[in-house]
Amino acid sequence: MINFIAEVSSNHNGDLQRALQLIYAAKCIGASAVKFQLFKIDQLFAPEALRAKPYLNARRAWELPASYIPTLANYAHELGLQFACTPFYMAAIAELYPYVDFYKVASYQVLWLDFLRALHETGKPIVMSLGMANQQEADSAVGMLDGRETTLLCCTSSYPTPIQNCNLARMDDLQLRYLDCNVGWSDHSVRPEVLYSAALKHRASMIEFHMDLDGAGAEYALGHCWLPDDMLHVITTINNCLLADGNLDQPLSYAELHERLWRTDPSDGLRPLLKTRAALQHA
C-alpha cells in the first residue's frame, strides 16, 4: 500500500488545538503519517529578501512553536500515525530528533549539502522533494544521503501546480536512476487525476499532500491544499484500486475456492465434479 503523508504546513495557524485537530483529521482520512514544518522567518530568509518582500514578514504568524512538537508527536503516535517534520534551520535537526520518525527535506533545501550531511548523520529515514533540481543537483543531494532509507518525491514547486506542469513521467526516471531509493509524489496540484496517475501508473510508494481543516488555514488561499473529505475519497479510491490489483503469488482468489468444486466434470460434461456429487449424496 502507499504511504499517504498529510502535510499540515502552516495551516495550524499557530494554534495547538487546531494542530491536534489536523492530526486527527489525517488519521480519519487514512493517512499513514502527518508532517509539520519547523522554521523561523529570520533563519529562513536573508535580510535582503525580507526588505525587498515585506509581505514575508507577515509569515512570522505561520511559525510553529517548537514547544508544540512533543505534544504533536505524542498525539500522532497515540493515533498510530508516524510523525515527521521539515527542519528549516540547522539547529532544528537536533530539536526534532527525539520526536520524528523521519525528516523531510523541502525542495528549496536541496542545494544545502552541509544540511543534508547533518540529516544523514542522524541515521533517521529521510524524505526529500526534488522540485526545481536539475540532474546534477539531484545527484549531489541523493549522493549526500547515500540512499539509506531515502524516499525521493517528484514535485513541481509551484503553488498551485497546473496539471500540465506536473510531469509525473519524471518519477519513472527517478526509479531507474536511484535504485536504492523509494520514489513518490509531493502534490501541489489538488487534482485527483494527478494522484491517481502517480499511484496507479507510476507506482508511487508515497504521496504527500498539503491538508487544511476547513479552508481557514494560513496557506489554504494559495490554492495547493486539500480538504479532508476530498482527500478521503482519493485515498479510498486509490487503496481500492490497489486492492483490486491482487497478488501474483495467489493466482486463485479465496472467493473461487468453493466454486472450483462446482466446475464441469470432464467425464460427462456435467456439473459439479464427481467428487462433489459424491459428497452431496452423503450430505
Protein backbone atom coordinates (compact mmCIF):
# COMPACT_ATOMS: atom_id res chain seq x y z
CA MET A 1 0.00 0.00 0.00
CA ILE A 2 1.01 3.62 -0.44
CA ASN A 3 2.10 5.82 2.44
CA PHE A 4 -0.05 8.95 2.40
CA ILE A 5 1.61 11.86 4.21
CA ALA A 6 -0.63 14.69 5.39
CA GLU A 7 1.44 17.88 5.25
CA VAL A 8 -0.06 20.35 7.73
CA SER A 9 2.44 23.02 6.73
CA SER A 10 1.31 26.28 8.40
CA ASN A 11 -2.42 25.55 8.41
CA HIS A 12 -2.25 25.11 12.18
CA ASN A 13 -2.38 28.95 12.41
CA GLY A 14 -0.15 28.80 15.48
CA ASP A 15 -2.94 27.15 17.47
CA LEU A 16 -2.05 23.93 19.29
CA GLN A 17 -5.64 22.68 19.42
CA ARG A 18 -6.07 23.28 15.70
CA ALA A 19 -2.83 21.39 15.05
CA LEU A 20 -4.16 18.45 17.06
CA GLN A 21 -7.42 18.55 15.11
CA LEU A 22 -5.45 18.38 11.87
CA ILE A 23 -3.62 15.29 13.13
CA TYR A 24 -6.94 13.64 13.99
CA ALA A 25 -8.32 14.53 10.56
CA ALA A 26 -5.26 12.95 8.94
CA LYS A 27 -5.95 9.74 10.82
CA CYS A 28 -9.64 9.76 9.85
CA ILE A 29 -8.97 10.03 6.11
CA GLY A 30 -6.45 7.19 6.02
CA ALA A 31 -3.08 8.94 6.12
CA SER A 32 -0.17 6.96 7.49
CA ALA A 33 1.83 9.98 8.68
CA VAL A 34 1.40 13.64 9.49
CA LYS A 35 4.05 16.27 8.85
CA PHE A 36 4.74 19.78 10.10
CA GLN A 37 7.37 22.42 9.33
CA LEU A 38 9.75 23.98 11.85
CA PHE A 39 11.11 27.32 10.70
CA LYS A 40 11.89 30.81 11.92
CA ILE A 41 11.46 33.59 9.38
CA ASP A 42 14.75 35.24 10.34
CA GLN A 43 16.56 31.93 9.74
CA LEU A 44 14.62 31.15 6.58
CA PHE A 45 15.01 34.36 4.53
CA ALA A 46 18.02 36.60 4.15
CA PRO A 47 17.66 40.22 5.36
CA GLU A 48 17.74 41.40 1.74
CA ALA A 49 14.73 39.23 0.94
CA LEU A 50 12.78 40.49 3.94
CA ARG A 51 13.48 44.09 2.99
CA ALA A 52 12.60 43.57 -0.67
CA LYS A 53 9.50 41.49 0.04
CA PRO A 54 7.91 42.96 3.21
CA TYR A 55 4.96 40.56 2.99
CA LEU A 56 7.33 37.75 4.01
CA ASN A 57 7.50 39.25 7.49
CA ALA A 58 3.79 38.50 7.93
CA ARG A 59 4.67 34.82 7.76
CA ARG A 60 6.03 35.04 11.28
CA ALA A 61 2.47 34.15 12.22
CA TRP A 62 2.94 30.91 10.26
CA GLU A 63 5.74 29.69 12.53
CA LEU A 64 5.12 26.53 14.55
CA PRO A 65 6.24 26.98 18.17
CA ALA A 66 8.92 24.37 18.85
CA SER A 67 7.30 23.80 22.25
CA TYR A 68 4.35 22.14 20.45
CA ILE A 69 6.48 19.37 18.95
CA PRO A 70 6.42 16.86 21.84
CA THR A 71 2.64 17.14 22.22
CA LEU A 72 2.03 16.81 18.49
CA ALA A 73 4.35 13.84 18.15
CA ASN A 74 2.85 12.03 21.12
CA TYR A 75 -0.68 12.53 19.84
CA ALA A 76 0.22 11.31 16.35
CA HIS A 77 1.83 8.20 17.80
CA GLU A 78 -1.19 7.55 20.02
CA LEU A 79 -3.31 7.52 16.85
CA GLY A 80 -0.93 5.12 15.13
CA LEU A 81 0.47 7.75 12.76
CA GLN A 82 4.09 8.44 12.03
CA PHE A 83 5.21 11.94 12.92
CA ALA A 84 7.52 13.91 10.66
CA CYS A 85 8.72 17.46 10.32
CA THR A 86 10.78 19.58 7.95
CA PRO A 87 13.60 21.38 9.75
CA PHE A 88 14.47 24.64 8.03
CA TYR A 89 17.46 25.67 10.15
CA MET A 90 20.42 23.60 11.26
CA ALA A 91 19.63 23.55 15.00
CA ALA A 92 16.13 22.27 14.24
CA ILE A 93 17.59 18.88 13.29
CA ALA A 94 18.59 18.22 16.89
CA GLU A 95 15.41 19.79 18.27
CA LEU A 96 13.29 17.37 16.25
CA TYR A 97 15.46 14.28 16.65
CA PRO A 98 13.72 12.77 19.73
CA TYR A 99 10.27 13.06 18.16
CA VAL A 100 10.32 12.46 14.40
CA ASP A 101 10.03 9.10 12.68
CA PHE A 102 11.58 10.64 9.59
CA TYR A 103 12.84 14.01 8.41
CA LYS A 104 11.51 15.77 5.34
CA VAL A 105 13.73 17.89 3.08
CA ALA A 106 11.89 20.59 1.17
CA SER A 107 12.72 21.18 -2.47
CA TYR A 108 14.14 24.61 -1.60
CA GLN A 109 16.84 22.96 0.56
CA VAL A 110 18.31 20.56 -2.00
CA LEU A 111 21.42 22.69 -2.62
CA TRP A 112 22.34 22.90 1.10
CA LEU A 113 24.68 19.91 1.20
CA ASP A 114 26.00 20.58 4.73
CA PHE A 115 22.41 20.40 5.93
CA LEU A 116 21.83 17.15 4.10
CA ARG A 117 25.01 15.71 5.59
CA ALA A 118 23.80 16.60 9.09
CA LEU A 119 20.46 14.89 8.41
CA HIS A 120 22.21 11.80 7.10
CA GLU A 121 24.32 11.60 10.26
CA THR A 122 21.19 11.28 12.42
CA GLY A 123 20.58 7.82 10.95
CA LYS A 124 16.86 8.51 10.59
CA PRO A 125 14.91 7.92 7.38
CA ILE A 126 14.73 10.93 5.08
CA VAL A 127 12.13 12.02 2.54
CA MET A 128 13.35 14.61 0.05
CA SER A 129 11.45 16.58 -2.58
CA LEU A 130 13.37 17.20 -5.81
CA GLY A 131 11.31 20.02 -7.28
CA MET A 132 13.44 22.59 -9.15
CA ALA A 133 16.54 20.34 -9.00
CA ASN A 134 18.34 19.61 -12.26
CA GLN A 135 20.05 16.25 -12.71
CA GLN A 136 23.44 17.34 -11.37
CA GLU A 137 21.84 18.91 -8.29
CA ALA A 138 19.70 15.83 -7.66
CA ASP A 139 22.71 13.53 -7.98
CA SER A 140 24.68 15.60 -5.45
CA ALA A 141 21.83 15.68 -2.95
CA VAL A 142 20.99 11.99 -3.24
CA GLY A 143 24.67 11.09 -3.01
CA MET A 144 24.92 13.02 0.24
CA LEU A 145 22.12 10.92 1.72
CA ASP A 146 23.71 7.69 0.50
CA GLY A 147 20.30 6.25 -0.41
CA ARG A 148 19.82 4.79 3.06
CA GLU A 149 16.12 4.73 3.91
CA THR A 150 15.60 7.59 1.50
CA THR A 151 12.38 8.40 -0.34
CA LEU A 152 12.58 10.84 -3.23
CA LEU A 153 9.47 12.83 -4.06
CA CYS A 154 8.91 14.18 -7.52
CA CYS A 155 7.13 17.52 -7.36
CA THR A 156 6.70 20.84 -9.10
CA SER A 157 7.46 23.74 -6.78
CA SER A 158 4.61 25.94 -7.94
CA TYR A 159 1.64 26.70 -5.68
CA PRO A 160 -0.71 25.52 -7.04
CA THR A 161 0.74 23.45 -9.87
CA PRO A 162 -1.18 23.44 -13.17
CA ILE A 163 -1.87 19.89 -14.24
CA GLN A 164 0.18 20.26 -17.43
CA ASN A 165 3.25 21.08 -15.34
CA CYS A 166 3.17 18.04 -13.06
CA ASN A 167 5.50 15.93 -15.25
CA LEU A 168 4.79 12.66 -13.48
CA ALA A 169 6.98 10.87 -16.03
CA ARG A 170 9.98 12.06 -14.03
CA MET A 171 9.01 9.52 -11.36
CA ASP A 172 9.86 6.72 -13.78
CA ASP A 173 13.31 8.19 -14.38
CA LEU A 174 13.95 8.57 -10.64
CA GLN A 175 13.04 4.92 -10.08
CA LEU A 176 15.54 3.79 -12.70
CA ARG A 177 18.29 6.23 -11.72
CA TYR A 178 18.22 5.79 -7.94
CA LEU A 179 17.66 2.09 -7.38
CA ASP A 180 18.34 2.26 -3.63
CA CYS A 181 15.64 4.88 -3.05
CA ASN A 182 11.88 4.75 -2.91
CA VAL A 183 10.09 7.21 -5.18
CA GLY A 184 6.85 9.10 -4.63
CA TRP A 185 4.93 12.27 -5.40
CA SER A 186 4.53 15.51 -3.45
CA ASP A 187 1.33 17.15 -4.62
CA HIS A 188 0.66 20.84 -5.18
CA SER A 189 -1.99 20.38 -7.87
CA VAL A 190 -5.04 19.41 -5.76
CA ARG A 191 -6.19 17.36 -8.76
CA PRO A 192 -7.46 13.81 -8.09
CA GLU A 193 -6.39 12.59 -11.52
CA VAL A 194 -2.79 13.58 -10.77
CA LEU A 195 -2.76 11.44 -7.63
CA TYR A 196 -4.46 8.55 -9.40
CA SER A 197 -1.81 8.60 -12.11
CA ALA A 198 1.06 8.93 -9.61
CA ALA A 199 -0.23 5.96 -7.64
CA LEU A 200 -1.58 3.63 -10.27
CA LYS A 201 0.50 4.33 -13.37
CA HIS A 202 3.79 5.50 -11.92
CA ARG A 203 3.65 3.34 -8.78
CA ALA A 204 4.43 5.95 -6.15
CA SER A 205 5.48 4.43 -2.83
CA MET A 206 4.50 7.65 -1.03
CA ILE A 207 2.15 10.53 -1.74
CA GLU A 208 2.50 13.74 0.24
CA PHE A 209 -0.35 16.23 0.15
CA HIS A 210 -0.92 19.58 1.84
CA MET A 211 -4.03 19.46 4.02
CA ASP A 212 -6.18 22.10 5.67
CA LEU A 213 -9.00 21.50 8.09
CA ASP A 214 -11.71 23.87 6.90
CA GLY A 215 -10.37 26.40 4.42
CA ALA A 216 -9.30 28.76 7.20
CA GLY A 217 -5.64 27.67 7.29
CA ALA A 218 -2.86 30.16 6.66
CA GLU A 219 -1.88 28.56 3.35
CA TYR A 220 -5.24 27.45 2.01
CA ALA A 221 -5.79 30.60 -0.05
CA LEU A 222 -2.64 29.83 -2.05
CA GLY A 223 -4.61 27.03 -3.71
CA HIS A 224 -2.45 23.95 -3.10
CA CYS A 225 -4.16 22.42 -0.05
CA TRP A 226 -6.67 19.58 0.11
CA LEU A 227 -9.66 19.45 2.45
CA PRO A 228 -10.19 16.21 4.41
CA ASP A 229 -13.36 14.96 2.70
CA ASP A 230 -11.89 15.44 -0.77
CA MET A 231 -8.71 13.62 0.14
CA LEU A 232 -10.61 10.83 1.88
CA HIS A 233 -12.29 10.00 -1.43
CA VAL A 234 -8.97 9.97 -3.28
CA ILE A 235 -7.20 7.77 -0.72
CA THR A 236 -10.12 5.34 -0.58
CA THR A 237 -10.27 5.09 -4.37
CA ILE A 238 -6.52 4.51 -4.73
CA ASN A 239 -6.49 1.88 -1.98
CA ASN A 240 -9.42 0.06 -3.59
CA CYS A 241 -7.69 0.12 -6.97
CA LEU A 242 -4.53 -1.32 -5.43
CA LEU A 243 -6.60 -3.94 -3.63
CA ALA A 244 -8.12 -4.96 -6.95
CA ASP A 245 -4.63 -5.43 -8.42
CA GLY A 246 -4.26 -8.55 -6.31
CA ASN A 247 -1.17 -10.68 -5.82
CA LEU A 248 0.56 -12.91 -8.37
CA ASP A 249 1.60 -15.27 -5.57
CA GLN A 250 -2.06 -16.18 -5.10
CA PRO A 251 -3.48 -16.82 -8.59
CA LEU A 252 -6.68 -18.26 -7.17
CA SER A 253 -8.97 -16.00 -5.22
CA TYR A 254 -10.28 -17.22 -1.90
CA ALA A 255 -13.73 -16.45 -3.29
CA GLU A 256 -13.17 -19.05 -6.03
CA LEU A 257 -12.28 -21.98 -3.79
CA HIS A 258 -15.89 -23.12 -3.27
CA GLU A 259 -16.81 -22.64 -6.92
CA ARG A 260 -13.91 -24.84 -8.02
CA LEU A 261 -15.83 -27.79 -6.63
CA TRP A 262 -18.76 -27.00 -8.95
CA ARG A 263 -16.86 -27.00 -12.23
CA THR A 264 -17.81 -29.28 -15.12
CA ASP A 265 -16.52 -32.85 -14.69
CA PRO A 266 -14.62 -33.88 -17.85
CA SER A 267 -16.07 -37.44 -17.68
CA ASP A 268 -19.62 -36.46 -18.60
CA GLY A 269 -19.70 -32.68 -19.10
CA LEU A 270 -21.99 -32.13 -16.13
CA ARG A 271 -21.59 -30.01 -13.04
CA PRO A 272 -20.36 -30.41 -10.32
CA LEU A 273 -17.25 -32.58 -10.20
CA LEU A 274 -17.77 -36.26 -9.45
CA LYS A 275 -16.19 -35.93 -6.01
CA THR A 276 -18.56 -33.09 -5.21
CA ARG A 277 -21.56 -35.17 -6.31
CA ALA A 278 -20.37 -37.98 -4.04
CA ALA A 279 -20.15 -35.60 -1.12
CA LEU A 280 -23.68 -34.35 -1.89
CA GLN A 281 -25.05 -37.90 -1.71
CA HIS A 282 -23.74 -38.26 1.83
CA ALA A 283 -24.78 -34.80 3.00
